[in-house]
């Protein structure tokens, strides 16, 4: 199964294929209850959001995806303050961009 190349027009397909490949290659990982929902949450959140919150395991898997890509910045439970700070900084940058138009 070849490593997919990132295409911003097919970001969700890229994430799905890479995460599926990672799960298949990780022979020591046992699928648990809730992993199906977590898998799909990781695909949609990382492909379409600017900021996303996932649990630690799925954050690690998304961050391992091939670079370069333009996927969302991923945070987990202990990084939520940093997430809020980054969202606020992003809003400040957007306001400055709107003012300059």
C-alpha atoms as a PDB file:
ATOM      1  CA  UNK A   1       0.000   0.000   0.000  1.00  0.00           C
ATOM      2  CA  UNK A   2       1.905   3.109  -1.160  1.00  0.00           C
ATOM      3  CA  UNK A   3       2.138   6.258   0.949  1.00  0.00           C
ATOM      4  CA  UNK A   4      -0.398   8.799  -0.397  1.00  0.00           C
ATOM      5  CA  UNK A   5       0.722  12.255  -1.481  1.00  0.00           C
ATOM      6  CA  UNK A   6      -1.089  15.254  -0.015  1.00  0.00           C
ATOM      7  CA  UNK A   7      -3.560  17.043  -2.291  1.00  0.00           C
ATOM      8  CA  UNK A   8      -5.419  19.968  -0.668  1.00  0.00           C
ATOM      9  CA  UNK A   9      -8.466  19.240  -2.835  1.00  0.00           C
ATOM     10  CA  UNK A  10      -8.611  15.695  -1.404  1.00  0.00           C
ATOM     11  CA  UNK A  11      -7.436  16.285   2.167  1.00  0.00           C
ATOM     12  CA  UNK A  12      -9.933  13.898   3.791  1.00  0.00           C
ATOM     13  CA  UNK A  13      -9.014  11.118   1.348  1.00  0.00           C
ATOM     14  CA  UNK A  14      -5.336  11.692   2.171  1.00  0.00           C
ATOM     15  CA  UNK A  15      -5.935  11.555   5.944  1.00  0.00           C
ATOM     16  CA  UNK A  16      -8.184   8.492   5.707  1.00  0.00           C
ATOM     17  CA  UNK A  17      -5.715   6.562   3.574  1.00  0.00           C
ATOM     18  CA  UNK A  18      -2.732   7.507   5.758  1.00  0.00           C
ATOM     19  CA  UNK A  19      -4.480   6.691   9.025  1.00  0.00           C
ATOM     20  CA  UNK A  20      -5.769   3.392   7.635  1.00  0.00           C
ATOM     21  CA  UNK A  21      -2.246   2.554   6.455  1.00  0.00           C
ATOM     22  CA  UNK A  22      -0.875   3.448   9.902  1.00  0.00           C
ATOM     23  CA  UNK A  23      -3.418   1.237  11.684  1.00  0.00           C
ATOM     24  CA  UNK A  24      -2.669  -1.701   9.383  1.00  0.00           C
ATOM     25  CA  UNK A  25       1.096  -1.321   9.873  1.00  0.00           C
ATOM     26  CA  UNK A  26       0.792  -0.980  13.675  1.00  0.00           C
ATOM     27  CA  UNK A  27       0.588  -4.707  14.421  1.00  0.00           C
ATOM     28  CA  UNK A  28       0.723  -4.150  18.194  1.00  0.00           C
ATOM     29  CA  UNK A  29      -2.411  -1.985  18.277  1.00  0.00           C
ATOM     30  CA  UNK A  30      -5.707  -3.544  19.362  1.00  0.00           C
ATOM     31  CA  UNK A  31      -8.890  -1.847  18.104  1.00  0.00           C
ATOM     32  CA  UNK A  32     -11.064  -0.709  21.034  1.00  0.00           C
ATOM     33  CA  UNK A  33     -14.651   0.455  21.456  1.00  0.00           C
ATOM     34  CA  UNK A  34     -15.029   3.978  20.123  1.00  0.00           C
ATOM     35  CA  UNK A  35     -12.065   3.782  17.727  1.00  0.00           C
ATOM     36  CA  UNK A  36     -14.353   3.893  14.686  1.00  0.00           C
ATOM     37  CA  UNK A  37     -15.857   7.190  15.782  1.00  0.00           C
ATOM     38  CA  UNK A  38     -12.428   8.521  16.811  1.00  0.00           C
ATOM     39  CA  UNK A  39     -11.013   7.516  13.414  1.00  0.00           C
ATOM     40  CA  UNK A  40     -13.681   9.443  11.520  1.00  0.00           C
ATOM     41  CA  UNK A  41     -13.426  12.415  13.882  1.00  0.00           C
ATOM     42  CA  UNK A  42      -9.653  12.519  13.253  1.00  0.00           C
ATOM     43  CA  UNK A  43     -10.199  12.415   9.472  1.00  0.00           C
ATOM     44  CA  UNK A  44     -12.826  15.154   9.298  1.00  0.00           C
ATOM     45  CA  UNK A  45     -11.325  17.425  11.972  1.00  0.00           C
ATOM     46  CA  UNK A  46      -7.770  17.334  10.659  1.00  0.00           C
ATOM     47  CA  UNK A  47      -8.814  17.671   7.008  1.00  0.00           C
ATOM     48  CA  UNK A  48     -11.312  20.536   7.290  1.00  0.00           C
ATOM     49  CA  UNK A  49     -10.670  22.524  10.486  1.00  0.00           C
ATOM     50  CA  UNK A  50      -7.984  25.066  11.275  1.00  0.00           C
ATOM     51  CA  UNK A  51      -7.740  23.818  14.871  1.00  0.00           C
ATOM     52  CA  UNK A  52      -8.902  20.458  16.197  1.00  0.00           C
ATOM     53  CA  UNK A  53      -8.914  18.550  19.479  1.00  0.00           C
ATOM     54  CA  UNK A  54      -8.335  14.809  19.479  1.00  0.00           C
ATOM     55  CA  UNK A  55      -7.256  12.343  22.132  1.00  0.00           C
ATOM     56  CA  UNK A  56      -3.528  11.807  22.543  1.00  0.00           C
ATOM     57  CA  UNK A  57      -3.338   8.634  20.405  1.00  0.00           C
ATOM     58  CA  UNK A  58      -5.124  10.168  17.408  1.00  0.00           C
ATOM     59  CA  UNK A  59      -3.189  13.444  17.728  1.00  0.00           C
ATOM     60  CA  UNK A  60       0.041  11.429  17.502  1.00  0.00           C
ATOM     61  CA  UNK A  61      -1.219   9.532  14.454  1.00  0.00           C
ATOM     62  CA  UNK A  62      -2.309  12.713  12.625  1.00  0.00           C
ATOM     63  CA  UNK A  63       0.979  14.458  13.392  1.00  0.00           C
ATOM     64  CA  UNK A  64       2.874  11.520  11.842  1.00  0.00           C
ATOM     65  CA  UNK A  65       1.175  12.020   8.465  1.00  0.00           C
ATOM     66  CA  UNK A  66       3.509  12.817   5.552  1.00  0.00           C
ATOM     67  CA  UNK A  67       4.614  16.413   5.197  1.00  0.00           C
ATOM     68  CA  UNK A  68       4.156  18.894   3.641  1.00  0.00           C
ATOM     69  CA  UNK A  69       0.411  19.120   4.218  1.00  0.00           C
ATOM     70  CA  UNK A  70      -2.023  21.834   5.242  1.00  0.00           C
ATOM     71  CA  UNK A  71      -3.956  19.860   7.831  1.00  0.00           C
ATOM     72  CA  UNK A  72      -5.319  21.437  10.989  1.00  0.00           C
ATOM     73  CA  UNK A  73      -3.224  22.087  14.047  1.00  0.00           C
ATOM     74  CA  UNK A  74      -4.131  19.269  16.472  1.00  0.00           C
ATOM     75  CA  UNK A  75      -4.338  19.556  20.245  1.00  0.00           C
ATOM     76  CA  UNK A  76      -5.240  17.094  22.986  1.00  0.00           C
ATOM     77  CA  UNK A  77      -6.733  17.491  26.461  1.00  0.00           C
ATOM     78  CA  UNK A  78      -3.670  18.967  28.190  1.00  0.00           C
ATOM     79  CA  UNK A  79      -3.131  21.511  25.391  1.00  0.00           C
ATOM     80  CA  UNK A  80      -6.548  23.160  25.384  1.00  0.00           C
ATOM     81  CA  UNK A  81      -5.217  26.447  26.808  1.00  0.00           C
ATOM     82  CA  UNK A  82      -2.707  26.595  23.956  1.00  0.00           C
ATOM     83  CA  UNK A  83      -5.557  25.879  21.526  1.00  0.00           C
ATOM     84  CA  UNK A  84      -7.625  28.792  22.851  1.00  0.00           C
ATOM     85  CA  UNK A  85      -4.567  31.078  22.676  1.00  0.00           C
ATOM     86  CA  UNK A  86      -3.867  30.050  19.070  1.00  0.00           C
ATOM     87  CA  UNK A  87      -7.514  30.591  18.088  1.00  0.00           C
ATOM     88  CA  UNK A  88      -7.430  34.075  19.645  1.00  0.00           C
ATOM     89  CA  UNK A  89      -4.190  34.887  17.783  1.00  0.00           C
ATOM     90  CA  UNK A  90      -5.761  33.645  14.572  1.00  0.00           C
ATOM     91  CA  UNK A  91      -8.728  35.968  15.102  1.00  0.00           C
ATOM     92  CA  UNK A  92      -6.401  38.929  15.665  1.00  0.00           C
ATOM     93  CA  UNK A  93      -4.621  38.093  12.401  1.00  0.00           C
ATOM     94  CA  UNK A  94      -7.951  37.816  10.550  1.00  0.00           C
ATOM     95  CA  UNK A  95      -9.079  41.208  11.867  1.00  0.00           C
ATOM     96  CA  UNK A  96      -5.816  42.779  10.715  1.00  0.00           C
ATOM     97  CA  UNK A  97      -6.245  41.175   7.282  1.00  0.00           C
ATOM     98  CA  UNK A  98      -9.842  42.456   6.978  1.00  0.00           C
ATOM     99  CA  UNK A  99      -8.758  45.970   7.940  1.00  0.00           C
ATOM    100  CA  UNK A 100      -6.057  45.965   5.283  1.00  0.00           C
ATOM    101  CA  UNK A 101      -8.551  45.087   2.514  1.00  0.00           C
END
